[in-house]
Amino acid sequence: MASNLLQYSSWPSNQYETRTAIAYAILAAAAISVVHYSVTLALYNATPKKVPPKSPPLLPHFLPLIGSFPWKYFTDPIRFFTTGYLSLVRHPIRVRLLGHDFYIIQGSDHVLSHLSQTSTSNTIFNANFLRQACGMSDKAVDRLGSESEETPKYFELKKYLAAAPLYAWSSSVIHRYLAGRGAHKLSQRFEANLRDRIRTYQEAAVGDGIVLSNFQDFFTEHVTAALLDSMCGTGLLAKNPGVTQAFWIFCDSLPTYMKHTPRILAPKAYKAREEVIAAVQVWQTWASENFDADTTPLDEDGDDPFWGSKFFRERFSTFVFEMGFDPRDMASMEVGFLFGASANVTANTYWCVIDVFRDHKLLNDIRAEVRDSTLREKGAARLDINVLVQQPILQAVFAESLRLRCHVMFIRKTTQPTTIVDWLIPKDRFLIAWSTPGHMDSKLWSHSNDVHPVDTFWPGRFLKYTSDSERPTFSLPGTEGSWLPFGYGANLCPGRQFAKVHCLVTLALMVGEFECDILASSKDLKLDLSKFGIGVLGPSGTISARLRKRDDRG
């Protein structure tokens, strides 16, 4: 009994000692953190910033082992760049995170220099994208990244970045397809396909019209189908009806794949990916079995009805027949291409349609430009695409939507000591830049009276008016390094011209054929930041809309 009483009487003493030890530990940790921050701050300020070549200073931080953990980046990344410390930095800095140093490139001139480098590599990102997002096998990804692989001899190789031969060759072929003569035919096919689908849809939009509970479905189903038919021919969708729905689940799930989310936690995302890969493989197998080089008719550009374009036919032949890649891996590669060709393009087009229909004056101005870009041939209307893409207000809508909603992270790895303006980056270091600081720079994009804040949609930022004409002109000069939806320099997006055509053709047909009421609150129209860093952000809410067939074409 006495021993028990003695044991109980010691509890308060033990608790006091424990609390005291914890308090001392907290004070010691705080003291270490303060001292560490003071030291790193002193070193930061002592780093020479005037005499080149300069070394980017290490960003001061409190936690020795963790480093600079960007909490705010994960909760509100746009404010992280516009109101935090990084908004004040206009030169490269070094950030330490979990023992690793990353070089953050800040300032428009430094970002342009970073993106202009041809000695840096984005192979790691490409490999992770193909492996994690597109489900390509490790064996195929390793072959693509191998320096020992030889490229086909019939196409001149042009390196846009430091890359393994097959990555560089594939990039060259994509540039040729999306930026060459074939892009014009692709644009014409897209307009014809989308016009046919809209004409069919109009039948349900007579009278009071039709209410779409999710307006985005129109774009993910009909606009995407028109694009896929234009690129792949009708075989992909004919062999796989309804695959567009799985395709957009796949596109929306990119962060899930890239974060290595276990399949058990995201079964819908992984099921959609497998469905899309299987659909592409079924189409490619069918096209390969039915195409005959001697008898299949080709148009003047070499395109055929089975493959849709010689781009897919030649890639399949090269990788599967000549190099022995597995057909499923080839399907994974093309799924990755189709994602790049459609995901951000369609998301931005969706926003542009919403913006125009919500502004009556802007809608009238856009309709006037569409009329000026429309030709009549044998009673049928078609767009003069060359005129359409030069219309100033249409271009301004396209550019402003990308400025406001396209937030891209540019990751490169140095393959040799690299100079960014007059800052020296060692070999084998990661360089990271974002489009966000430039896109949300209020000093560049907002007037002094702040009538149009930088976080609002206003196409006038890209328009200039002169006393000689009532019509404005579209203007990008002066925005170098601050408008980067397609990157810059060595790895400028090869599909940027078609992205513009896709958006403006879709917008032109929508405003020409429909009246549309956007049934959404301002809360629904806020940006969904969950996909920040990988392209065009969608709305945070579900947007409803009422579509009605337009009778007045005046």
Protein backbone atom coordinates (compact mmCIF):
# COMPACT_ATOMS: atom_id res chain seq x y z
CA MET A 1 0.00 0.00 0.00
CA ALA A 2 2.77 2.41 0.93
CA SER A 3 4.65 1.67 -2.25
CA ASN A 4 1.51 2.34 -4.30
CA LEU A 5 0.99 5.69 -2.55
CA LEU A 6 4.61 6.58 -3.23
CA GLN A 7 4.14 5.68 -6.89
CA TYR A 8 1.01 7.82 -7.23
CA SER A 9 2.65 10.75 -5.43
CA SER A 10 5.46 10.78 -8.01
CA TRP A 11 3.09 11.34 -10.99
CA PRO A 12 2.92 15.15 -10.73
CA SER A 13 6.70 15.29 -10.53
CA ASN A 14 7.11 13.09 -13.61
CA GLN A 15 4.55 15.11 -15.57
CA TYR A 16 6.29 18.34 -14.59
CA GLU A 17 9.65 16.99 -15.70
CA THR A 18 8.18 15.79 -19.00
CA ARG A 19 6.55 19.15 -19.72
CA THR A 20 9.75 20.95 -18.82
CA ALA A 21 11.76 18.73 -21.16
CA ILE A 22 9.28 19.35 -24.00
CA ALA A 23 9.39 23.11 -23.37
CA TYR A 24 13.19 23.10 -23.43
CA ALA A 25 13.15 21.06 -26.65
CA ILE A 26 10.78 23.51 -28.30
CA LEU A 27 12.88 26.48 -27.17
CA ALA A 28 16.04 24.78 -28.41
CA ALA A 29 14.45 24.01 -31.80
CA ALA A 30 13.20 27.59 -32.07
CA ALA A 31 16.64 28.94 -31.18
CA ILE A 32 18.32 26.68 -33.74
CA SER A 33 15.80 27.77 -36.37
CA VAL A 34 16.33 31.46 -35.66
CA VAL A 35 20.10 31.10 -35.71
CA HIS A 36 19.92 29.05 -38.92
CA TYR A 37 17.70 31.65 -40.57
CA SER A 38 20.03 34.44 -39.47
CA VAL A 39 23.02 32.64 -40.95
CA THR A 40 21.29 31.88 -44.26
CA LEU A 41 20.00 35.45 -44.43
CA ALA A 42 23.50 36.82 -43.88
CA LEU A 43 24.87 34.52 -46.58
CA TYR A 44 22.05 35.52 -48.92
CA ASN A 45 22.81 39.21 -48.47
CA ALA A 46 26.55 38.59 -48.77
CA THR A 47 26.26 36.76 -52.11
CA PRO A 48 27.71 38.99 -54.87
CA LYS A 49 24.93 40.11 -57.18
CA LYS A 50 26.76 42.59 -59.35
CA VAL A 51 29.92 40.96 -60.74
CA PRO A 52 29.30 38.18 -63.31
CA PRO A 53 29.30 35.27 -63.42
CA LYS A 54 27.11 35.35 -60.35
CA SER A 55 25.93 32.43 -58.27
CA PRO A 56 22.23 32.43 -57.33
CA PRO A 57 21.96 32.99 -53.56
CA LEU A 58 20.37 30.44 -51.25
CA LEU A 59 16.95 31.55 -50.05
CA PRO A 60 16.97 32.10 -46.26
CA HIS A 61 15.03 29.46 -44.33
CA PHE A 62 14.34 28.47 -40.72
CA LEU A 63 14.38 24.67 -40.79
CA PRO A 64 17.85 23.18 -41.37
CA LEU A 65 16.72 19.72 -42.49
CA ILE A 66 13.47 20.61 -44.25
CA GLY A 67 14.61 23.85 -45.89
CA SER A 68 12.20 26.24 -47.57
CA PHE A 69 8.89 24.40 -47.58
CA PRO A 70 6.44 26.45 -49.68
CA TRP A 71 3.24 25.90 -47.68
CA LYS A 72 1.38 28.69 -49.43
CA TYR A 73 2.20 27.24 -52.85
CA PHE A 74 0.02 24.24 -52.08
CA THR A 75 -2.92 26.26 -50.75
CA ASP A 76 -3.01 29.34 -53.01
CA PRO A 77 -0.23 29.18 -55.61
CA ILE A 78 -1.24 32.33 -57.48
CA ARG A 79 -1.05 34.44 -54.32
CA PHE A 80 2.22 32.69 -53.50
CA PHE A 81 3.73 34.27 -56.61
CA THR A 82 1.95 37.62 -56.46
CA THR A 83 2.09 38.58 -52.79
CA GLY A 84 4.91 36.55 -51.25
CA TYR A 85 8.65 37.06 -51.20
CA LEU A 86 9.10 35.62 -54.70
CA SER A 87 6.98 38.45 -56.13
CA LEU A 88 9.84 40.82 -55.20
CA VAL A 89 12.70 38.74 -56.61
CA ARG A 90 13.75 39.46 -60.19
CA HIS A 91 16.78 37.20 -60.46
CA PRO A 92 17.56 33.46 -60.08
CA ILE A 93 17.68 32.11 -56.54
CA ARG A 94 18.52 28.78 -54.98
CA VAL A 95 15.94 27.01 -52.83
CA ARG A 96 16.79 24.09 -50.56
CA LEU A 97 14.11 21.49 -49.95
CA LEU A 98 14.71 18.22 -48.08
CA GLY A 99 18.43 18.41 -48.72
CA HIS A 100 18.18 19.16 -52.45
CA ASP A 101 18.88 22.49 -54.14
CA PHE A 102 16.60 23.79 -56.88
CA TYR A 103 17.22 26.90 -58.94
CA ILE A 104 14.16 29.14 -59.26
CA ILE A 105 14.34 31.44 -62.28
CA GLN A 106 12.68 34.80 -61.71
CA GLY A 107 12.45 37.95 -63.84
CA SER A 108 11.23 38.01 -67.44
CA ASP A 109 14.69 38.39 -69.01
CA HIS A 110 16.03 35.47 -66.96
CA VAL A 111 12.98 33.30 -67.78
CA LEU A 112 13.49 33.98 -71.50
CA SER A 113 17.16 33.06 -71.20
CA HIS A 114 16.22 29.89 -69.33
CA LEU A 115 13.71 28.79 -71.97
CA SER A 116 16.08 29.68 -74.82
CA GLN A 117 18.75 27.23 -73.65
CA THR A 118 19.35 24.27 -75.96
CA SER A 119 21.76 22.55 -73.58
CA THR A 120 19.14 21.89 -70.89
CA SER A 121 16.93 18.81 -70.82
CA ASN A 122 13.32 18.00 -69.91
CA THR A 123 13.79 14.25 -70.46
CA ILE A 124 13.00 13.44 -66.84
CA PHE A 125 9.59 15.08 -67.12
CA ASN A 126 8.86 13.37 -70.45
CA ALA A 127 9.85 9.99 -69.04
CA ASN A 128 7.70 10.42 -65.94
CA PHE A 129 4.76 11.60 -68.04
CA LEU A 130 4.92 8.60 -70.35
CA ARG A 131 5.49 6.13 -67.52
CA GLN A 132 3.16 7.49 -64.83
CA ALA A 133 0.41 9.19 -66.83
CA CYS A 134 0.34 7.23 -70.07
CA GLY A 135 1.12 3.80 -68.66
CA MET A 136 4.09 3.11 -70.94
CA SER A 137 6.31 0.19 -69.88
CA ASP A 138 9.66 0.81 -68.21
CA LYS A 139 11.40 -0.96 -71.10
CA ALA A 140 9.92 1.41 -73.69
CA VAL A 141 10.59 4.53 -71.61
CA ASP A 142 14.21 3.42 -71.13
CA ARG A 143 14.63 2.92 -74.88
CA LEU A 144 13.27 6.38 -75.61
CA GLY A 145 15.79 7.84 -73.16
CA SER A 146 18.74 5.80 -74.39
CA GLU A 147 21.63 7.62 -76.06
CA SER A 148 22.49 4.50 -78.06
CA GLU A 149 19.25 4.29 -80.08
CA GLU A 150 19.48 5.29 -83.73
CA THR A 151 16.86 7.45 -85.40
CA PRO A 152 15.29 6.87 -88.82
CA LYS A 153 17.36 8.30 -91.67
CA TYR A 154 14.54 9.64 -93.84
CA PHE A 155 13.81 12.70 -91.71
CA GLU A 156 16.28 15.41 -90.78
CA LEU A 157 16.82 15.52 -87.03
CA LYS A 158 16.56 18.88 -85.31
CA LYS A 159 17.26 19.07 -81.59
CA TYR A 160 15.12 21.53 -79.70
CA LEU A 161 16.60 20.60 -76.31
CA ALA A 162 19.35 18.32 -75.05
CA ALA A 163 17.56 15.01 -75.50
CA ALA A 164 18.16 11.38 -76.34
CA PRO A 165 17.95 10.62 -80.10
CA LEU A 166 14.43 9.15 -80.11
CA TYR A 167 12.98 11.97 -78.01
CA ALA A 168 14.58 14.52 -80.32
CA TRP A 169 13.39 12.71 -83.45
CA SER A 170 9.84 12.37 -82.14
CA SER A 171 9.78 16.07 -81.25
CA SER A 172 10.91 16.95 -84.76
CA VAL A 173 8.14 14.86 -86.32
CA ILE A 174 5.51 16.49 -84.08
CA HIS A 175 6.76 19.96 -85.06
CA ARG A 176 6.51 19.03 -88.72
CA TYR A 177 2.95 17.74 -88.30
CA LEU A 178 1.51 20.59 -86.26
CA ALA A 179 3.41 23.50 -87.79
CA GLY A 180 3.78 22.45 -91.41
CA ARG A 181 1.50 22.24 -94.43
CA GLY A 182 -0.55 19.51 -92.77
CA ALA A 183 -1.71 21.95 -90.12
CA HIS A 184 -3.78 23.85 -92.71
CA LYS A 185 -5.57 20.70 -93.84
CA LEU A 186 -6.07 19.71 -90.21
CA SER A 187 -7.73 23.07 -89.55
CA GLN A 188 -10.07 22.67 -92.50
CA ARG A 189 -11.07 19.18 -91.42
CA PHE A 190 -11.68 20.37 -87.89
CA GLU A 191 -14.01 23.16 -89.04
CA ALA A 192 -15.98 20.80 -91.30
CA ASN A 193 -16.31 18.14 -88.59
CA LEU A 194 -17.35 20.60 -85.89
CA ARG A 195 -19.82 22.34 -88.20
CA ASP A 196 -21.50 18.99 -88.91
CA ARG A 197 -21.73 18.17 -85.20
CA ILE A 198 -23.12 21.61 -84.35
CA ARG A 199 -25.69 21.33 -87.14
CA THR A 200 -26.89 18.05 -85.66
CA TYR A 201 -26.96 19.53 -82.16
CA GLN A 202 -29.08 22.47 -83.31
CA GLU A 203 -32.05 20.18 -83.82
CA ALA A 204 -32.44 19.90 -80.05
CA ALA A 205 -31.84 23.60 -79.43
CA VAL A 206 -34.92 25.08 -81.14
CA GLY A 207 -37.56 27.16 -79.36
CA ASP A 208 -36.55 27.73 -75.76
CA GLY A 209 -33.42 25.72 -76.38
CA ILE A 210 -31.81 23.05 -74.26
CA VAL A 211 -30.32 23.39 -70.79
CA LEU A 212 -26.98 21.66 -70.32
CA SER A 213 -26.39 20.91 -66.65
CA ASN A 214 -22.67 20.76 -67.39
CA PHE A 215 -21.72 22.97 -70.32
CA GLN A 216 -18.27 21.42 -70.43
CA ASP A 217 -19.80 18.16 -71.65
CA PHE A 218 -20.50 19.83 -75.00
CA PHE A 219 -16.78 20.49 -75.41
CA THR A 220 -15.46 17.21 -74.06
CA GLU A 221 -17.86 15.24 -76.25
CA HIS A 222 -18.59 17.16 -79.46
CA VAL A 223 -15.60 19.49 -79.82
CA THR A 224 -13.17 16.77 -78.79
CA ALA A 225 -14.81 14.28 -81.16
CA ALA A 226 -14.43 16.77 -84.03
CA LEU A 227 -10.75 17.16 -83.18
CA LEU A 228 -10.07 13.42 -82.90
CA ASP A 229 -11.83 12.74 -86.21
CA SER A 230 -9.74 15.49 -87.81
CA MET A 231 -6.47 14.01 -86.61
CA CYS A 232 -7.13 10.26 -86.56
CA GLY A 233 -9.85 9.90 -89.16
CA THR A 234 -13.19 8.44 -88.18
CA GLY A 235 -11.76 5.05 -87.25
CA LEU A 236 -10.79 5.81 -83.65
CA LEU A 237 -14.29 6.86 -82.56
CA ALA A 238 -16.11 4.45 -84.88
CA LYS A 239 -14.26 1.52 -83.34
CA ASN A 240 -14.61 2.90 -79.82
CA PRO A 241 -17.91 4.76 -79.36
CA GLY A 242 -18.04 6.84 -76.22
CA VAL A 243 -14.29 6.86 -75.64
CA THR A 244 -14.29 10.67 -75.42
CA GLN A 245 -15.76 10.44 -71.92
CA ALA A 246 -12.96 8.13 -70.76
CA PHE A 247 -10.44 10.36 -72.51
CA TRP A 248 -11.51 13.39 -70.46
CA ILE A 249 -11.46 11.47 -67.23
CA PHE A 250 -7.90 10.57 -68.20
CA CYS A 251 -7.04 14.22 -68.95
CA ASP A 252 -8.55 15.45 -65.68
CA SER A 253 -6.66 12.79 -63.75
CA LEU A 254 -3.15 13.84 -64.78
CA PRO A 255 -2.22 15.04 -61.25
CA THR A 256 -3.41 11.67 -59.90
CA TYR A 257 -1.01 9.78 -62.14
CA MET A 258 1.93 12.14 -61.69
CA LYS A 259 1.62 12.02 -57.89
CA HIS A 260 1.86 8.20 -57.98
CA THR A 261 -1.56 7.90 -56.37
CA PRO A 262 -2.21 4.19 -55.68
CA ARG A 263 -4.67 2.56 -58.02
CA ILE A 264 -6.88 1.49 -55.10
CA LEU A 265 -7.45 5.16 -54.21
CA ALA A 266 -8.33 6.26 -57.77
CA PRO A 267 -9.87 3.28 -59.59
CA LYS A 268 -11.93 5.48 -61.94
CA ALA A 269 -8.85 7.35 -63.17
CA TYR A 270 -6.84 4.21 -63.88
CA LYS A 271 -9.79 2.44 -65.48
CA ALA A 272 -10.26 5.41 -67.83
CA ARG A 273 -6.59 5.36 -68.75
CA GLU A 274 -6.68 1.67 -69.63
CA GLU A 275 -9.84 2.20 -71.66
CA VAL A 276 -8.24 5.00 -73.69
CA ILE A 277 -5.01 3.08 -74.30
CA ALA A 278 -7.02 0.03 -75.39
CA ALA A 279 -9.14 2.19 -77.72
CA VAL A 280 -6.09 3.67 -79.43
CA GLN A 281 -4.53 0.23 -79.78
CA VAL A 282 -7.71 -1.19 -81.34
CA TRP A 283 -7.77 1.69 -83.83
CA GLN A 284 -4.08 1.34 -84.70
CA THR A 285 -4.38 -2.42 -85.18
CA TRP A 286 -7.39 -1.95 -87.45
CA ALA A 287 -5.69 0.81 -89.45
CA SER A 288 -2.49 -1.22 -89.81
CA GLU A 289 -4.37 -4.29 -91.02
CA ASN A 290 -6.49 -2.37 -93.54
CA PHE A 291 -3.98 0.12 -94.95
CA ASP A 292 -2.26 -1.06 -98.13
CA ALA A 293 0.53 1.07 -99.54
CA ASP A 294 -0.35 -0.03 -103.08
CA THR A 295 -4.13 0.33 -103.07
CA THR A 296 -5.22 2.69 -100.26
CA PRO A 297 -6.01 6.13 -101.70
CA LEU A 298 -3.92 9.02 -100.39
CA ASP A 299 -4.63 12.74 -100.65
CA GLU A 300 -2.02 15.26 -101.81
CA ASP A 301 -0.52 15.35 -98.30
CA GLY A 302 -0.26 11.60 -97.97
CA ASP A 303 -3.16 11.24 -95.54
CA ASP A 304 -5.44 8.21 -95.76
CA PRO A 305 -8.90 7.25 -94.41
CA PHE A 306 -7.63 4.61 -91.98
CA TRP A 307 -4.89 6.48 -90.12
CA GLY A 308 -6.37 9.91 -90.67
CA SER A 309 -2.93 11.38 -91.29
CA LYS A 310 0.42 10.06 -92.34
CA PHE A 311 1.80 11.37 -89.05
CA PHE A 312 0.27 8.45 -87.13
CA ARG A 313 0.90 5.96 -89.91
CA GLU A 314 4.61 6.78 -90.16
CA ARG A 315 5.12 6.88 -86.38
CA PHE A 316 3.48 3.46 -85.98
CA SER A 317 5.51 2.00 -88.82
CA THR A 318 8.76 3.39 -87.45
CA PHE A 319 8.35 2.46 -83.80
CA VAL A 320 6.49 -0.86 -84.17
CA PHE A 321 7.62 -2.38 -87.47
CA GLU A 322 11.14 -0.96 -87.77
CA MET A 323 12.21 -0.62 -84.12
CA GLY A 324 10.17 -3.38 -82.50
CA PHE A 325 8.27 -1.36 -79.89
CA ASP A 326 5.27 -3.13 -78.40
CA PRO A 327 1.96 -1.94 -79.96
CA ARG A 328 0.58 -1.18 -76.50
CA ASP A 329 3.52 1.10 -75.75
CA MET A 330 2.92 2.79 -79.09
CA ALA A 331 -0.70 3.33 -78.08
CA SER A 332 0.48 4.86 -74.80
CA MET A 333 2.74 7.23 -76.72
CA GLU A 334 -0.13 8.40 -78.92
CA VAL A 335 -2.40 8.84 -75.91
CA GLY A 336 0.24 11.21 -74.58
CA PHE A 337 0.29 13.07 -77.89
CA LEU A 338 -3.50 13.36 -78.01
CA PHE A 339 -3.49 14.68 -74.45
CA GLY A 340 -0.99 17.37 -75.44
CA ALA A 341 -2.94 18.22 -78.58
CA SER A 342 -6.33 18.59 -76.93
CA ALA A 343 -6.46 18.96 -73.14
CA ASN A 344 -5.30 22.55 -72.66
CA VAL A 345 -6.63 23.62 -76.05
CA THR A 346 -10.16 22.49 -75.25
CA ALA A 347 -10.07 23.91 -71.72
CA ASN A 348 -9.09 27.35 -73.01
CA THR A 349 -11.70 27.20 -75.78
CA TYR A 350 -14.35 26.43 -73.17
CA TRP A 351 -13.36 29.51 -71.17
CA CYS A 352 -13.37 31.75 -74.26
CA VAL A 353 -16.90 30.72 -75.18
CA ILE A 354 -18.07 31.41 -71.61
CA ASP A 355 -16.37 34.82 -71.54
CA VAL A 356 -17.84 35.98 -74.84
CA PHE A 357 -21.41 34.88 -74.14
CA ARG A 358 -21.33 36.60 -70.73
CA ASP A 359 -20.48 39.99 -72.27
CA HIS A 360 -23.12 41.32 -74.70
CA LYS A 361 -20.91 44.02 -76.22
CA LEU A 362 -18.00 41.64 -76.64
CA LEU A 363 -20.38 39.11 -78.21
CA ASN A 364 -21.51 41.66 -80.81
CA ASP A 365 -17.91 42.62 -81.60
CA ILE A 366 -16.93 38.98 -82.03
CA ARG A 367 -19.91 38.29 -84.28
CA ALA A 368 -18.91 41.22 -86.47
CA GLU A 369 -15.41 39.79 -86.88
CA VAL A 370 -16.84 36.35 -87.64
CA ARG A 371 -19.03 37.85 -90.39
CA ASP A 372 -15.95 39.49 -91.88
CA SER A 373 -14.22 36.09 -91.88
CA THR A 374 -17.05 34.07 -93.47
CA LEU A 375 -17.18 33.04 -97.12
CA ARG A 376 -20.24 31.87 -99.06
CA GLU A 377 -19.76 29.19 -101.67
CA LYS A 378 -22.74 27.68 -103.47
CA GLY A 379 -25.02 28.76 -100.65
CA ALA A 380 -22.87 27.15 -97.96
CA ALA A 381 -20.86 29.09 -95.41
CA ARG A 382 -17.27 28.39 -94.45
CA LEU A 383 -14.69 30.30 -92.51
CA ASP A 384 -11.70 31.91 -94.11
CA ILE A 385 -9.36 30.68 -91.40
CA ASN A 386 -6.46 32.87 -92.52
CA VAL A 387 -8.64 35.94 -92.02
CA LEU A 388 -10.26 34.65 -88.84
CA VAL A 389 -7.00 34.16 -86.94
CA GLN A 390 -5.94 37.72 -87.76
CA GLN A 391 -9.04 39.37 -86.29
CA PRO A 392 -7.88 41.60 -83.41
CA ILE A 393 -10.64 41.08 -80.84
CA LEU A 394 -10.79 37.33 -81.40
CA GLN A 395 -7.03 37.15 -80.89
CA ALA A 396 -7.30 39.31 -77.77
CA VAL A 397 -9.93 37.02 -76.24
CA PHE A 398 -7.72 34.00 -76.94
CA ALA A 399 -4.59 35.66 -75.50
CA GLU A 400 -6.29 37.10 -72.41
CA SER A 401 -7.90 33.80 -71.47
CA LEU A 402 -4.49 32.11 -71.63
CA ARG A 403 -2.88 34.88 -69.60
CA LEU A 404 -5.47 34.58 -66.87
CA ARG A 405 -5.90 30.80 -66.71
CA CYS A 406 -2.79 29.11 -68.14
CA HIS A 407 -0.25 28.49 -65.38
CA VAL A 408 2.68 26.38 -66.51
CA MET A 409 5.79 25.14 -64.73
CA PHE A 410 8.92 24.85 -66.89
CA ILE A 411 11.37 22.27 -65.51
CA ARG A 412 14.77 21.69 -67.08
CA LYS A 413 17.99 19.99 -66.01
CA THR A 414 21.37 21.41 -66.92
CA THR A 415 23.65 19.07 -68.88
CA GLN A 416 26.61 21.44 -68.56
CA PRO A 417 27.40 24.68 -66.69
CA THR A 418 24.75 27.09 -67.96
CA THR A 419 24.60 30.86 -67.95
CA ILE A 420 21.22 32.51 -67.40
CA VAL A 421 21.93 36.10 -68.48
CA ASP A 422 24.89 36.65 -66.10
CA TRP A 423 24.06 33.99 -63.49
CA LEU A 424 25.97 30.70 -63.59
CA ILE A 425 24.14 27.43 -62.88
CA PRO A 426 26.27 24.29 -62.31
CA LYS A 427 25.86 21.06 -64.26
CA ASP A 428 23.17 18.55 -63.26
CA ARG A 429 20.94 21.06 -61.48
CA PHE A 430 17.20 21.52 -61.83
CA LEU A 431 15.94 24.86 -63.13
CA ILE A 432 12.31 25.79 -62.51
CA ALA A 433 10.33 28.73 -63.83
CA TRP A 434 6.61 29.47 -63.92
CA SER A 435 4.43 31.48 -66.28
CA THR A 436 2.44 32.79 -63.31
CA PRO A 437 4.68 35.68 -62.16
CA GLY A 438 4.59 37.19 -65.65
CA HIS A 439 0.93 36.44 -66.32
CA MET A 440 -0.14 38.06 -63.03
CA ASP A 441 2.25 41.04 -63.04
CA SER A 442 -0.04 43.95 -62.18
CA LYS A 443 2.63 46.51 -63.15
CA LEU A 444 2.54 45.22 -66.72
CA TRP A 445 -1.08 44.25 -67.21
CA SER A 446 -3.08 46.73 -65.11
CA HIS A 447 -3.48 50.47 -65.59
CA SER A 448 -2.67 52.84 -62.77
CA ASN A 449 -6.36 53.38 -61.95
CA ASP A 450 -6.81 49.57 -61.68
CA VAL A 451 -10.16 49.63 -63.52
CA HIS A 452 -9.29 46.18 -64.88
CA PRO A 453 -7.41 44.29 -62.13
CA VAL A 454 -4.89 41.71 -63.27
CA ASP A 455 -7.02 38.85 -61.92
CA THR A 456 -10.02 39.71 -64.12
CA PHE A 457 -10.75 38.93 -67.77
CA TRP A 458 -10.25 41.95 -70.04
CA PRO A 459 -9.19 41.44 -73.70
CA GLY A 460 -8.38 45.15 -73.96
CA ARG A 461 -4.95 44.41 -72.51
CA PHE A 462 -3.96 43.12 -75.93
CA LEU A 463 -5.64 45.80 -78.06
CA LYS A 464 -4.30 49.12 -79.25
CA TYR A 465 -6.39 51.92 -80.70
CA THR A 466 -5.04 54.67 -82.95
CA SER A 467 -6.57 57.93 -84.06
CA ASP A 468 -6.39 56.77 -87.67
CA SER A 469 -8.83 53.89 -87.24
CA GLU A 470 -11.81 52.92 -85.12
CA ARG A 471 -10.74 49.30 -85.31
CA PRO A 472 -8.16 48.18 -82.78
CA THR A 473 -5.04 46.20 -83.55
CA PHE A 474 -3.90 43.13 -81.67
CA SER A 475 -0.59 43.64 -79.91
CA LEU A 476 1.80 41.30 -78.08
CA PRO A 477 5.03 43.37 -78.18
CA GLY A 478 6.22 44.38 -74.75
CA THR A 479 4.98 41.15 -73.15
CA GLU A 480 8.09 39.04 -73.89
CA GLY A 481 8.78 36.85 -70.90
CA SER A 482 5.45 37.79 -69.33
CA TRP A 483 3.09 35.92 -71.68
CA LEU A 484 4.23 32.31 -71.87
CA PRO A 485 1.30 29.91 -72.36
CA PHE A 486 3.26 28.10 -75.09
CA GLY A 487 6.71 28.40 -73.58
CA TYR A 488 9.48 30.11 -75.49
CA GLY A 489 12.59 29.53 -77.50
CA ALA A 490 14.07 26.06 -77.74
CA ASN A 491 10.91 24.20 -76.73
CA LEU A 492 8.17 26.48 -77.99
CA CYS A 493 4.94 24.48 -78.25
CA PRO A 494 4.66 23.09 -81.81
CA GLY A 495 0.85 23.13 -81.61
CA ARG A 496 0.46 26.82 -80.73
CA GLN A 497 -0.89 27.81 -84.15
CA PHE A 498 -3.41 25.00 -84.27
CA ALA A 499 -4.43 25.76 -80.67
CA LYS A 500 -5.36 29.23 -81.86
CA VAL A 501 -7.27 27.86 -84.85
CA HIS A 502 -9.10 25.33 -82.66
CA CYS A 503 -10.21 28.02 -80.23
CA LEU A 504 -11.23 30.69 -82.75
CA VAL A 505 -13.00 28.28 -85.12
CA THR A 506 -14.99 26.81 -82.22
CA LEU A 507 -15.82 30.26 -80.88
CA ALA A 508 -16.82 31.51 -84.33
CA LEU A 509 -19.18 28.58 -84.94
CA MET A 510 -20.70 28.83 -81.47
CA VAL A 511 -21.50 32.56 -81.66
CA GLY A 512 -22.67 32.17 -85.24
CA GLU A 513 -25.06 29.29 -84.62
CA PHE A 514 -26.26 29.71 -81.03
CA GLU A 515 -27.54 32.07 -78.42
CA CYS A 516 -26.25 30.98 -75.04
CA ASP A 517 -27.09 31.92 -71.47
CA ILE A 518 -24.33 31.05 -69.00
CA LEU A 519 -26.07 29.90 -65.82
CA ALA A 520 -23.30 30.14 -63.28
CA SER A 521 -22.42 32.10 -60.16
CA SER A 522 -19.18 34.02 -59.76
CA LYS A 523 -18.10 31.36 -57.26
CA ASP A 524 -18.46 28.63 -59.88
CA LEU A 525 -16.31 30.64 -62.28
CA LYS A 526 -13.33 30.83 -59.94
CA LEU A 527 -10.28 28.83 -60.95
CA ASP A 528 -9.79 25.26 -59.78
CA LEU A 529 -6.20 25.38 -58.51
CA SER A 530 -5.82 21.62 -58.06
CA LYS A 531 -4.07 21.30 -61.44
CA PHE A 532 -1.87 24.36 -61.03
CA GLY A 533 1.37 24.16 -63.00
CA ILE A 534 0.29 21.82 -65.80
CA GLY A 535 -1.64 24.16 -68.09
CA VAL A 536 -5.06 25.76 -68.35
CA LEU A 537 -7.04 25.64 -65.12
CA GLY A 538 -10.75 24.85 -65.28
CA PRO A 539 -13.58 26.43 -63.29
CA SER A 540 -14.03 25.38 -59.67
CA GLY A 541 -17.75 24.75 -60.11
CA THR A 542 -20.02 23.08 -62.64
CA ILE A 543 -21.20 25.54 -65.30
CA SER A 544 -24.74 25.17 -66.62
CA ALA A 545 -25.86 26.82 -69.85
CA ARG A 546 -28.93 27.21 -72.06
CA LEU A 547 -28.27 26.82 -75.77
CA ARG A 548 -30.75 28.09 -78.34
CA LYS A 549 -30.53 27.93 -82.10
CA ARG A 550 -29.78 31.38 -83.44
CA ASP A 551 -32.25 32.62 -86.02
CA ASP A 552 -30.94 36.16 -86.57
CA ARG A 553 -27.66 36.03 -88.49
CA GLY A 554 -27.50 39.74 -89.14
